[in-house]
Amino acid sequence: MHLANPHHFPYGLIQVAGVHDLTEAELLLNSGVDMIGLPLRLTVNDEDLSEESAVRLSRTLPGKCCLITYLNKISDITEFTRELEVDYVQLHGDVDPGIMPELVKQLPHVRF
């Protein structure tokens, strides 16, 4: 599944998190899901897959994975986003909105 413009979802975006492996992710994408959420480095709940598995998943499905995290420091967010090679990041928890301009500057290809 490939979107003509991966940064534009005119009718909204369907994201499913809690995916355990590539087979499940591909099934979801083939069923109309737009994005696979990868909840990692959380302050609550256990992670659904290891960071190593998440890296393999995001590299196998470029443009189809979103990091979901409670990280709140610019260096932590940029480093992990680059490691995962994701184009989308969903920040949760206690994040200072003032860091956003620097995140956008350091990760200009990433949508937050």
PDB file of N, CA and C in Angstrom:
ATOM      1  N   MET A   1       0.840  -1.165   0.000  1.00  0.00           N
ATOM      2  CA  MET A   1       0.000   0.000   0.000  1.00  0.00           C
ATOM      3  C   MET A   1       0.891   1.235   0.000  1.00  0.00           C
ATOM      4  N   HIS A   2       0.650   2.157  -0.907  1.00  0.00           N
ATOM      5  CA  HIS A   2       1.463   3.365  -0.987  1.00  0.00           C
ATOM      6  C   HIS A   2       0.545   4.557  -1.210  1.00  0.00           C
ATOM      7  N   LEU A   3       0.691   5.565  -0.381  1.00  0.00           N
ATOM      8  CA  LEU A   3      -0.089   6.791  -0.549  1.00  0.00           C
ATOM      9  C   LEU A   3       0.656   7.729  -1.470  1.00  0.00           C
ATOM     10  N   ALA A   4      -0.066   8.407  -2.350  1.00  0.00           N
ATOM     11  CA  ALA A   4       0.569   9.336  -3.283  1.00  0.00           C
ATOM     12  C   ALA A   4       1.316  10.424  -2.526  1.00  0.00           C
ATOM     13  N   ASN A   5       0.730  10.953  -1.481  1.00  0.00           N
ATOM     14  CA  ASN A   5       1.374  11.958  -0.652  1.00  0.00           C
ATOM     15  C   ASN A   5       1.280  11.486   0.794  1.00  0.00           C
ATOM     16  N   PRO A   6       2.336  10.893   1.340  1.00  0.00           N
ATOM     17  CA  PRO A   6       2.250  10.301   2.664  1.00  0.00           C
ATOM     18  C   PRO A   6       2.042  11.305   3.792  1.00  0.00           C
ATOM     19  N   HIS A   7       2.195  12.586   3.537  1.00  0.00           N
ATOM     20  CA  HIS A   7       2.002  13.585   4.589  1.00  0.00           C
ATOM     21  C   HIS A   7       0.631  14.234   4.509  1.00  0.00           C
ATOM     22  N   HIS A   8      -0.244  13.713   3.678  1.00  0.00           N
ATOM     23  CA  HIS A   8      -1.553  14.323   3.497  1.00  0.00           C
ATOM     24  C   HIS A   8      -2.628  13.253   3.601  1.00  0.00           C
ATOM     25  N   PHE A   9      -3.461  13.381   4.606  1.00  0.00           N
ATOM     26  CA  PHE A   9      -4.557  12.447   4.821  1.00  0.00           C
ATOM     27  C   PHE A   9      -5.841  13.265   4.843  1.00  0.00           C
ATOM     28  N   PRO A  10      -6.445  13.524   3.675  1.00  0.00           N
ATOM     29  CA  PRO A  10      -7.579  14.446   3.604  1.00  0.00           C
ATOM     30  C   PRO A  10      -8.797  13.992   4.407  1.00  0.00           C
ATOM     31  N   TYR A  11      -8.913  12.726   4.692  1.00  0.00           N
ATOM     32  CA  TYR A  11     -10.085  12.220   5.408  1.00  0.00           C
ATOM     33  C   TYR A  11      -9.731  11.709   6.794  1.00  0.00           C
ATOM     34  N   GLY A  12      -8.589  12.112   7.295  1.00  0.00           N
ATOM     35  CA  GLY A  12      -8.137  11.619   8.585  1.00  0.00           C
ATOM     36  C   GLY A  12      -7.141  10.498   8.401  1.00  0.00           C
ATOM     37  N   LEU A  13      -6.703   9.958   9.498  1.00  0.00           N
ATOM     38  CA  LEU A  13      -5.669   8.936   9.470  1.00  0.00           C
ATOM     39  C   LEU A  13      -6.078   7.817  10.422  1.00  0.00           C
ATOM     40  N   ILE A  14      -5.960   6.604   9.969  1.00  0.00           N
ATOM     41  CA  ILE A  14      -6.234   5.451  10.830  1.00  0.00           C
ATOM     42  C   ILE A  14      -4.890   4.869  11.248  1.00  0.00           C
ATOM     43  N   GLN A  15      -4.640   4.914  12.557  1.00  0.00           N
ATOM     44  CA  GLN A  15      -3.401   4.366  13.106  1.00  0.00           C
ATOM     45  C   GLN A  15      -3.760   3.282  14.116  1.00  0.00           C
ATOM     46  N   VAL A  16      -3.063   2.167  14.034  1.00  0.00           N
ATOM     47  CA  VAL A  16      -3.255   1.081  14.988  1.00  0.00           C
ATOM     48  C   VAL A  16      -1.937   0.843  15.709  1.00  0.00           C
ATOM     49  N   ALA A  17      -1.998   0.862  17.022  1.00  0.00           N
ATOM     50  CA  ALA A  17      -0.817   0.589  17.838  1.00  0.00           C
ATOM     51  C   ALA A  17      -0.976  -0.779  18.493  1.00  0.00           C
ATOM     52  N   GLY A  18       0.087  -1.252  19.078  1.00  0.00           N
ATOM     53  CA  GLY A  18       0.035  -2.541  19.755  1.00  0.00           C
ATOM     54  C   GLY A  18       0.319  -3.711  18.846  1.00  0.00           C
ATOM     55  N   VAL A  19       0.905  -3.433  17.705  1.00  0.00           N
ATOM     56  CA  VAL A  19       1.248  -4.472  16.731  1.00  0.00           C
ATOM     57  C   VAL A  19       2.456  -5.251  17.249  1.00  0.00           C
ATOM     58  N   HIS A  20       2.420  -6.553  17.060  1.00  0.00           N
ATOM     59  CA  HIS A  20       3.479  -7.413  17.595  1.00  0.00           C
ATOM     60  C   HIS A  20       4.514  -7.865  16.572  1.00  0.00           C
ATOM     61  N   ASP A  21       4.169  -7.839  15.275  1.00  0.00           N
ATOM     62  CA  ASP A  21       5.130  -8.325  14.280  1.00  0.00           C
ATOM     63  C   ASP A  21       4.752  -7.844  12.878  1.00  0.00           C
ATOM     64  N   LEU A  22       5.616  -8.153  11.924  1.00  0.00           N
ATOM     65  CA  LEU A  22       5.440  -7.721  10.542  1.00  0.00           C
ATOM     66  C   LEU A  22       4.177  -8.313   9.919  1.00  0.00           C
ATOM     67  N   THR A  23       3.892  -9.566  10.189  1.00  0.00           N
ATOM     68  CA  THR A  23       2.701 -10.208   9.620  1.00  0.00           C
ATOM     69  C   THR A  23       1.440  -9.452  10.023  1.00  0.00           C
ATOM     70  N   GLU A  24       1.337  -9.119  11.287  1.00  0.00           N
ATOM     71  CA  GLU A  24       0.185  -8.366  11.788  1.00  0.00           C
ATOM     72  C   GLU A  24       0.133  -6.974  11.164  1.00  0.00           C
ATOM     73  N   ALA A  25       1.278  -6.306  11.071  1.00  0.00           N
ATOM     74  CA  ALA A  25       1.332  -4.965  10.483  1.00  0.00           C
ATOM     75  C   ALA A  25       0.887  -4.990   9.026  1.00  0.00           C
ATOM     76  N   GLU A  26       1.383  -5.949   8.253  1.00  0.00           N
ATOM     77  CA  GLU A  26       0.998  -6.043   6.842  1.00  0.00           C
ATOM     78  C   GLU A  26      -0.488  -6.342   6.682  1.00  0.00           C
ATOM     79  N   LEU A  27      -1.036  -7.194   7.531  1.00  0.00           N
ATOM     80  CA  LEU A  27      -2.466  -7.493   7.502  1.00  0.00           C
ATOM     81  C   LEU A  27      -3.275  -6.206   7.727  1.00  0.00           C
ATOM     82  N   LEU A  28      -2.868  -5.424   8.704  1.00  0.00           N
ATOM     83  CA  LEU A  28      -3.565  -4.173   8.994  1.00  0.00           C
ATOM     84  C   LEU A  28      -3.453  -3.177   7.839  1.00  0.00           C
ATOM     85  N   LEU A  29      -2.265  -3.021   7.296  1.00  0.00           N
ATOM     86  CA  LEU A  29      -2.065  -2.085   6.183  1.00  0.00           C
ATOM     87  C   LEU A  29      -2.867  -2.513   4.961  1.00  0.00           C
ATOM     88  N   ASN A  30      -2.912  -3.804   4.702  1.00  0.00           N
ATOM     89  CA  ASN A  30      -3.681  -4.312   3.566  1.00  0.00           C
ATOM     90  C   ASN A  30      -5.187  -4.214   3.797  1.00  0.00           C
ATOM     91  N   SER A  31      -5.592  -3.986   5.039  1.00  0.00           N
ATOM     92  CA  SER A  31      -7.007  -3.846   5.378  1.00  0.00           C
ATOM     93  C   SER A  31      -7.457  -2.390   5.426  1.00  0.00           C
ATOM     94  N   GLY A  32      -6.549  -1.458   5.090  1.00  0.00           N
ATOM     95  CA  GLY A  32      -6.929  -0.054   5.028  1.00  0.00           C
ATOM     96  C   GLY A  32      -6.363   0.840   6.110  1.00  0.00           C
ATOM     97  N   VAL A  33      -5.609   0.280   7.043  1.00  0.00           N
ATOM     98  CA  VAL A  33      -4.957   1.096   8.071  1.00  0.00           C
ATOM     99  C   VAL A  33      -3.858   1.921   7.396  1.00  0.00           C
ATOM    100  N   ASP A  34      -3.739   3.186   7.787  1.00  0.00           N
ATOM    101  CA  ASP A  34      -2.740   4.079   7.191  1.00  0.00           C
ATOM    102  C   ASP A  34      -1.375   3.993   7.861  1.00  0.00           C
ATOM    103  N   MET A  35      -1.373   3.756   9.171  1.00  0.00           N
ATOM    104  CA  MET A  35      -0.142   3.900   9.935  1.00  0.00           C
ATOM    105  C   MET A  35      -0.111   2.864  11.060  1.00  0.00           C
ATOM    106  N   ILE A  36       1.095   2.346  11.310  1.00  0.00           N
ATOM    107  CA  ILE A  36       1.323   1.428  12.421  1.00  0.00           C
ATOM    108  C   ILE A  36       1.995   2.225  13.538  1.00  0.00           C
ATOM    109  N   GLY A  37       1.350   2.286  14.693  1.00  0.00           N
ATOM    110  CA  GLY A  37       1.910   2.988  15.840  1.00  0.00           C
ATOM    111  C   GLY A  37       2.854   2.087  16.611  1.00  0.00           C
ATOM    112  N   LEU A  38       4.015   2.631  16.959  1.00  0.00           N
ATOM    113  CA  LEU A  38       5.026   1.885  17.701  1.00  0.00           C
ATOM    114  C   LEU A  38       5.214   2.529  19.071  1.00  0.00           C
ATOM    115  N   PRO A  39       4.446   2.108  20.089  1.00  0.00           N
ATOM    116  CA  PRO A  39       4.600   2.680  21.425  1.00  0.00           C
ATOM    117  C   PRO A  39       5.888   2.161  22.077  1.00  0.00           C
ATOM    118  N   LEU A  40       6.833   3.058  22.284  1.00  0.00           N
ATOM    119  CA  LEU A  40       8.135   2.679  22.813  1.00  0.00           C
ATOM    120  C   LEU A  40       8.638   3.723  23.812  1.00  0.00           C
ATOM    121  N   ARG A  41       9.493   3.258  24.706  1.00  0.00           N
ATOM    122  CA  ARG A  41      10.063   4.102  25.766  1.00  0.00           C
ATOM    123  C   ARG A  41       8.936   4.825  26.504  1.00  0.00           C
ATOM    124  N   LEU A  42       8.074   4.003  27.053  1.00  0.00           N
ATOM    125  CA  LEU A  42       6.880   4.484  27.743  1.00  0.00           C
ATOM    126  C   LEU A  42       7.134   4.617  29.236  1.00  0.00           C
ATOM    127  N   THR A  43       6.371   5.482  29.875  1.00  0.00           N
ATOM    128  CA  THR A  43       6.423   5.578  31.333  1.00  0.00           C
ATOM    129  C   THR A  43       5.338   4.713  31.958  1.00  0.00           C
ATOM    130  N   VAL A  44       4.394   4.276  31.148  1.00  0.00           N
ATOM    131  CA  VAL A  44       3.303   3.407  31.608  1.00  0.00           C
ATOM    132  C   VAL A  44       3.180   2.243  30.629  1.00  0.00           C
ATOM    133  N   ASN A  45       2.655   1.135  31.093  1.00  0.00           N
ATOM    134  CA  ASN A  45       2.400  -0.038  30.261  1.00  0.00           C
ATOM    135  C   ASN A  45       3.684  -0.672  29.726  1.00  0.00           C
ATOM    136  N   ASP A  46       3.583  -1.933  29.405  1.00  0.00           N
ATOM    137  CA  ASP A  46       4.689  -2.653  28.785  1.00  0.00           C
ATOM    138  C   ASP A  46       4.646  -2.413  27.278  1.00  0.00           C
ATOM    139  N   GLU A  47       5.790  -2.475  26.658  1.00  0.00           N
ATOM    140  CA  GLU A  47       5.856  -2.303  25.207  1.00  0.00           C
ATOM    141  C   GLU A  47       5.399  -3.575  24.516  1.00  0.00           C
ATOM    142  N   ASP A  48       4.805  -3.417  23.344  1.00  0.00           N
ATOM    143  CA  ASP A  48       4.246  -4.545  22.605  1.00  0.00           C
ATOM    144  C   ASP A  48       5.284  -5.297  21.791  1.00  0.00           C
ATOM    145  N   LEU A  49       6.388  -4.630  21.490  1.00  0.00           N
ATOM    146  CA  LEU A  49       7.477  -5.279  20.778  1.00  0.00           C
ATOM    147  C   LEU A  49       8.777  -4.628  21.197  1.00  0.00           C
ATOM    148  N   SER A  50       9.873  -5.313  20.987  1.00  0.00           N
ATOM    149  CA  SER A  50      11.179  -4.791  21.389  1.00  0.00           C
ATOM    150  C   SER A  50      11.591  -3.659  20.466  1.00  0.00           C
ATOM    151  N   GLU A  51      12.534  -2.863  20.910  1.00  0.00           N
ATOM    152  CA  GLU A  51      13.043  -1.780  20.064  1.00  0.00           C
ATOM    153  C   GLU A  51      13.706  -2.345  18.811  1.00  0.00           C
ATOM    154  N   GLU A  52      14.382  -3.472  18.948  1.00  0.00           N
ATOM    155  CA  GLU A  52      15.020  -4.088  17.788  1.00  0.00           C
ATOM    156  C   GLU A  52      13.963  -4.515  16.759  1.00  0.00           C
ATOM    157  N   SER A  53      12.871  -5.078  17.239  1.00  0.00           N
ATOM    158  CA  SER A  53      11.782  -5.471  16.334  1.00  0.00           C
ATOM    159  C   SER A  53      11.136  -4.250  15.702  1.00  0.00           C
ATOM    160  N   ALA A  54      11.011  -3.177  16.459  1.00  0.00           N
ATOM    161  CA  ALA A  54      10.425  -1.943  15.933  1.00  0.00           C
ATOM    162  C   ALA A  54      11.297  -1.348  14.831  1.00  0.00           C
ATOM    163  N   VAL A  55      12.602  -1.395  15.007  1.00  0.00           N
ATOM    164  CA  VAL A  55      13.524  -0.897  13.974  1.00  0.00           C
ATOM    165  C   VAL A  55      13.356  -1.715  12.696  1.00  0.00           C
ATOM    166  N   ARG A  56      13.314  -3.033  12.821  1.00  0.00           N
ATOM    167  CA  ARG A  56      13.128  -3.888  11.637  1.00  0.00           C
ATOM    168  C   ARG A  56      11.788  -3.597  10.959  1.00  0.00           C
ATOM    169  N   LEU A  57      10.745  -3.418  11.747  1.00  0.00           N
ATOM    170  CA  LEU A  57       9.414  -3.140  11.214  1.00  0.00           C
ATOM    171  C   LEU A  57       9.393  -1.802  10.481  1.00  0.00           C
ATOM    172  N   SER A  58       9.936  -0.768  11.102  1.00  0.00           N
ATOM    173  CA  SER A  58       9.904   0.561  10.476  1.00  0.00           C
ATOM    174  C   SER A  58      10.752   0.621   9.212  1.00  0.00           C
ATOM    175  N   ARG A  59      11.833  -0.124   9.173  1.00  0.00           N
ATOM    176  CA  ARG A  59      12.681  -0.133   7.977  1.00  0.00           C
ATOM    177  C   ARG A  59      12.076  -0.990   6.866  1.00  0.00           C
ATOM    178  N   THR A  60      11.278  -1.971   7.230  1.00  0.00           N
ATOM    179  CA  THR A  60      10.601  -2.810   6.245  1.00  0.00           C
ATOM    180  C   THR A  60       9.380  -2.100   5.667  1.00  0.00           C
ATOM    181  N   LEU A  61       8.773  -1.226   6.461  1.00  0.00           N
ATOM    182  CA  LEU A  61       7.560  -0.498   6.055  1.00  0.00           C
ATOM    183  C   LEU A  61       7.817   1.009   6.101  1.00  0.00           C
ATOM    184  N   PRO A  62       8.715   1.504   5.265  1.00  0.00           N
ATOM    185  CA  PRO A  62       9.050   2.932   5.327  1.00  0.00           C
ATOM    186  C   PRO A  62       7.826   3.818   5.076  1.00  0.00           C
ATOM    187  N   GLY A  63       7.706   4.859   5.902  1.00  0.00           N
ATOM    188  CA  GLY A  63       6.598   5.795   5.776  1.00  0.00           C
ATOM    189  C   GLY A  63       5.294   5.305   6.366  1.00  0.00           C
ATOM    190  N   LYS A  64       5.304   4.115   6.956  1.00  0.00           N
ATOM    191  CA  LYS A  64       4.074   3.524   7.480  1.00  0.00           C
ATOM    192  C   LYS A  64       4.082   3.345   8.995  1.00  0.00           C
ATOM    193  N   CYS A  65       5.126   3.819   9.672  1.00  0.00           N
ATOM    194  CA  CYS A  65       5.217   3.635  11.119  1.00  0.00           C
ATOM    195  C   CYS A  65       5.352   4.978  11.830  1.00  0.00           C
ATOM    196  N   CYS A  66       4.736   5.051  13.001  1.00  0.00           N
ATOM    197  CA  CYS A  66       4.759   6.253  13.828  1.00  0.00           C
ATOM    198  C   CYS A  66       5.286   5.884  15.209  1.00  0.00           C
ATOM    199  N   LEU A  67       6.338   6.559  15.643  1.00  0.00           N
ATOM    200  CA  LEU A  67       6.830   6.388  16.999  1.00  0.00           C
ATOM    201  C   LEU A  67       5.858   7.068  17.952  1.00  0.00           C
ATOM    202  N   ILE A  68       5.392   6.324  18.945  1.00  0.00           N
ATOM    203  CA  ILE A  68       4.555   6.872  20.017  1.00  0.00           C
ATOM    204  C   ILE A  68       5.398   6.774  21.283  1.00  0.00           C
ATOM    205  N   THR A  69       5.688   7.922  21.917  1.00  0.00           N
ATOM    206  CA  THR A  69       6.622   7.890  23.038  1.00  0.00           C
ATOM    207  C   THR A  69       6.344   8.974  24.061  1.00  0.00           C
ATOM    208  N   TYR A  70       6.845   8.738  25.263  1.00  0.00           N
ATOM    209  CA  TYR A  70       6.783   9.723  26.343  1.00  0.00           C
ATOM    210  C   TYR A  70       8.115  10.456  26.488  1.00  0.00           C
ATOM    211  N   LEU A  71       9.042  10.241  25.573  1.00  0.00           N
ATOM    212  CA  LEU A  71      10.295  10.995  25.626  1.00  0.00           C
ATOM    213  C   LEU A  71       9.972  12.485  25.571  1.00  0.00           C
ATOM    214  N   ASN A  72      10.760  13.311  26.270  1.00  0.00           N
ATOM    215  CA  ASN A  72      10.464  14.738  26.276  1.00  0.00           C
ATOM    216  C   ASN A  72      11.689  15.633  26.129  1.00  0.00           C
ATOM    217  N   LYS A  73      12.830  15.044  25.861  1.00  0.00           N
ATOM    218  CA  LYS A  73      14.052  15.827  25.630  1.00  0.00           C
ATOM    219  C   LYS A  73      14.393  15.775  24.148  1.00  0.00           C
ATOM    220  N   ILE A  74      14.776  16.912  23.602  1.00  0.00           N
ATOM    221  CA  ILE A  74      15.069  17.021  22.173  1.00  0.00           C
ATOM    222  C   ILE A  74      16.063  15.953  21.724  1.00  0.00           C
ATOM    223  N   SER A  75      17.170  15.816  22.444  1.00  0.00           N
ATOM    224  CA  SER A  75      18.208  14.863  22.022  1.00  0.00           C
ATOM    225  C   SER A  75      17.681  13.427  22.032  1.00  0.00           C
ATOM    226  N   ASP A  76      16.894  13.066  23.038  1.00  0.00           N
ATOM    227  CA  ASP A  76      16.339  11.708  23.107  1.00  0.00           C
ATOM    228  C   ASP A  76      15.378  11.446  21.949  1.00  0.00           C
ATOM    229  N   ILE A  77      14.526  12.421  21.680  1.00  0.00           N
ATOM    230  CA  ILE A  77      13.530  12.268  20.615  1.00  0.00           C
ATOM    231  C   ILE A  77      14.208  12.182  19.252  1.00  0.00           C
ATOM    232  N   THR A  78      15.158  13.083  18.971  1.00  0.00           N
ATOM    233  CA  THR A  78      15.802  13.082  17.656  1.00  0.00           C
ATOM    234  C   THR A  78      16.633  11.808  17.460  1.00  0.00           C
ATOM    235  N   GLU A  79      17.354  11.402  18.479  1.00  0.00           N
ATOM    236  CA  GLU A  79      18.187  10.200  18.359  1.00  0.00           C
ATOM    237  C   GLU A  79      17.332   8.967  18.085  1.00  0.00           C
ATOM    238  N   PHE A  80      16.254   8.803  18.842  1.00  0.00           N
ATOM    239  CA  PHE A  80      15.423   7.611  18.686  1.00  0.00           C
ATOM    240  C   PHE A  80      14.652   7.642  17.366  1.00  0.00           C
ATOM    241  N   THR A  81      14.192   8.810  16.962  1.00  0.00           N
ATOM    242  CA  THR A  81      13.491   8.942  15.683  1.00  0.00           C
ATOM    243  C   THR A  81      14.403   8.560  14.532  1.00  0.00           C
ATOM    244  N   ARG A  82      15.635   9.005  14.585  1.00  0.00           N
ATOM    245  CA  ARG A  82      16.603   8.652  13.536  1.00  0.00           C
ATOM    246  C   ARG A  82      16.929   7.160  13.555  1.00  0.00           C
ATOM    247  N   GLU A  83      17.045   6.602  14.741  1.00  0.00           N
ATOM    248  CA  GLU A  83      17.330   5.161  14.855  1.00  0.00           C
ATOM    249  C   GLU A  83      16.205   4.341  14.229  1.00  0.00           C
ATOM    250  N   LEU A  84      14.963   4.739  14.486  1.00  0.00           N
ATOM    251  CA  LEU A  84      13.816   4.010  13.948  1.00  0.00           C
ATOM    252  C   LEU A  84      13.561   4.307  12.466  1.00  0.00           C
ATOM    253  N   GLU A  85      14.079   5.436  12.005  1.00  0.00           N
ATOM    254  CA  GLU A  85      13.856   5.879  10.622  1.00  0.00           C
ATOM    255  C   GLU A  85      12.368   6.051  10.319  1.00  0.00           C
ATOM    256  N   VAL A  86      11.649   6.700  11.255  1.00  0.00           N
ATOM    257  CA  VAL A  86      10.217   6.953  11.067  1.00  0.00           C
ATOM    258  C   VAL A  86      10.000   8.385  10.575  1.00  0.00           C
ATOM    259  N   ASP A  87       8.877   8.585   9.896  1.00  0.00           N
ATOM    260  CA  ASP A  87       8.502   9.903   9.389  1.00  0.00           C
ATOM    261  C   ASP A  87       7.449  10.579  10.257  1.00  0.00           C
ATOM    262  N   TYR A  88       6.962   9.856  11.270  1.00  0.00           N
ATOM    263  CA  TYR A  88       5.911  10.376  12.141  1.00  0.00           C
ATOM    264  C   TYR A  88       6.266  10.093  13.594  1.00  0.00           C
ATOM    265  N   VAL A  89       5.998  11.072  14.468  1.00  0.00           N
ATOM    266  CA  VAL A  89       6.229  10.909  15.903  1.00  0.00           C
ATOM    267  C   VAL A  89       5.027  11.478  16.646  1.00  0.00           C
ATOM    268  N   GLN A  90       4.512  10.689  17.563  1.00  0.00           N
ATOM    269  CA  GLN A  90       3.393  11.110  18.409  1.00  0.00           C
ATOM    270  C   GLN A  90       3.935  11.214  19.834  1.00  0.00           C
ATOM    271  N   LEU A  91       4.005  12.441  20.346  1.00  0.00           N
ATOM    272  CA  LEU A  91       4.541  12.680  21.680  1.00  0.00           C
ATOM    273  C   LEU A  91       3.418  12.677  22.708  1.00  0.00           C
ATOM    274  N   HIS A  92       3.692  12.059  23.853  1.00  0.00           N
ATOM    275  CA  HIS A  92       2.722  11.994  24.944  1.00  0.00           C
ATOM    276  C   HIS A  92       3.387  12.444  26.233  1.00  0.00           C
ATOM    277  N   GLY A  93       2.572  12.701  27.218  1.00  0.00           N
ATOM    278  CA  GLY A  93       3.107  13.004  28.531  1.00  0.00           C
ATOM    279  C   GLY A  93       3.505  14.458  28.668  1.00  0.00           C
ATOM    280  N   ASP A  94       4.454  14.684  29.543  1.00  0.00           N
ATOM    281  CA  ASP A  94       4.899  16.026  29.911  1.00  0.00           C
ATOM    282  C   ASP A  94       5.943  16.535  28.913  1.00  0.00           C
ATOM    283  N   VAL A  95       5.448  17.106  27.807  1.00  0.00           N
ATOM    284  CA  VAL A  95       6.334  17.624  26.768  1.00  0.00           C
ATOM    285  C   VAL A  95       6.152  19.136  26.697  1.00  0.00           C
ATOM    286  N   ASP A  96       7.245  19.864  26.812  1.00  0.00           N
ATOM    287  CA  ASP A  96       7.204  21.325  26.707  1.00  0.00           C
ATOM    288  C   ASP A  96       6.979  21.699  25.247  1.00  0.00           C
ATOM    289  N   PRO A  97       5.876  22.383  24.929  1.00  0.00           N
ATOM    290  CA  PRO A  97       5.615  22.761  23.539  1.00  0.00           C
ATOM    291  C   PRO A  97       6.723  23.632  22.944  1.00  0.00           C
ATOM    292  N   GLY A  98       7.517  24.256  23.791  1.00  0.00           N
ATOM    293  CA  GLY A  98       8.609  25.104  23.323  1.00  0.00           C
ATOM    294  C   GLY A  98       9.718  24.351  22.607  1.00  0.00           C
ATOM    295  N   ILE A  99       9.761  23.014  22.746  1.00  0.00           N
ATOM    296  CA  ILE A  99      10.808  22.248  22.060  1.00  0.00           C
ATOM    297  C   ILE A  99      10.455  21.966  20.605  1.00  0.00           C
ATOM    298  N   MET A 100       9.210  22.201  20.239  1.00  0.00           N
ATOM    299  CA  MET A 100       8.770  21.833  18.890  1.00  0.00           C
ATOM    300  C   MET A 100       9.548  22.519  17.769  1.00  0.00           C
ATOM    301  N   PRO A 101       9.812  23.839  17.843  1.00  0.00           N
ATOM    302  CA  PRO A 101      10.580  24.450  16.743  1.00  0.00           C
ATOM    303  C   PRO A 101      11.950  23.793  16.539  1.00  0.00           C
ATOM    304  N   GLU A 102      12.609  23.418  17.624  1.00  0.00           N
ATOM    305  CA  GLU A 102      13.920  22.774  17.491  1.00  0.00           C
ATOM    306  C   GLU A 102      13.784  21.359  16.938  1.00  0.00           C
ATOM    307  N   LEU A 103      12.748  20.638  17.357  1.00  0.00           N
ATOM    308  CA  LEU A 103      12.520  19.300  16.801  1.00  0.00           C
ATOM    309  C   LEU A 103      12.284  19.375  15.297  1.00  0.00           C
ATOM    310  N   VAL A 104      11.464  20.327  14.885  1.00  0.00           N
ATOM    311  CA  VAL A 104      11.171  20.487  13.453  1.00  0.00           C
ATOM    312  C   VAL A 104      12.442  20.868  12.692  1.00  0.00           C
ATOM    313  N   LYS A 105      13.276  21.678  13.309  1.00  0.00           N
ATOM    314  CA  LYS A 105      14.539  22.079  12.671  1.00  0.00           C
ATOM    315  C   LYS A 105      15.475  20.877  12.517  1.00  0.00           C
ATOM    316  N   GLN A 106      15.571  20.058  13.563  1.00  0.00           N
ATOM    317  CA  GLN A 106      16.489  18.918  13.525  1.00  0.00           C
ATOM    318  C   GLN A 106      15.946  17.737  12.724  1.00  0.00           C
ATOM    319  N   LEU A 107      14.614  17.640  12.650  1.00  0.00           N
ATOM    320  CA  LEU A 107      13.967  16.529  11.940  1.00  0.00           C
ATOM    321  C   LEU A 107      12.964  17.100  10.936  1.00  0.00           C
ATOM    322  N   PRO A 108      13.447  17.811   9.918  1.00  0.00           N
ATOM    323  CA  PRO A 108      12.521  18.515   9.014  1.00  0.00           C
ATOM    324  C   PRO A 108      11.592  17.601   8.212  1.00  0.00           C
ATOM    325  N   HIS A 109      11.951  16.338   8.048  1.00  0.00           N
ATOM    326  CA  HIS A 109      11.116  15.404   7.287  1.00  0.00           C
ATOM    327  C   HIS A 109      10.040  14.751   8.143  1.00  0.00           C
ATOM    328  N   VAL A 110      10.095  14.942   9.465  1.00  0.00           N
ATOM    329  CA  VAL A 110       9.201  14.247  10.390  1.00  0.00           C
ATOM    330  C   VAL A 110       7.963  15.086  10.671  1.00  0.00           C
ATOM    331  N   ARG A 111       6.816  14.422  10.716  1.00  0.00           N
ATOM    332  CA  ARG A 111       5.554  15.057  11.095  1.00  0.00           C
ATOM    333  C   ARG A 111       5.278  14.693  12.550  1.00  0.00           C
ATOM    334  N   PHE A 112       4.960  15.713  13.335  1.00  0.00           N
ATOM    335  CA  PHE A 112       4.674  15.503  14.756  1.00  0.00           C
ATOM    336  C   PHE A 112       3.197  15.665  15.003  1.00  0.00           C
TER     337      PHE A 112
END
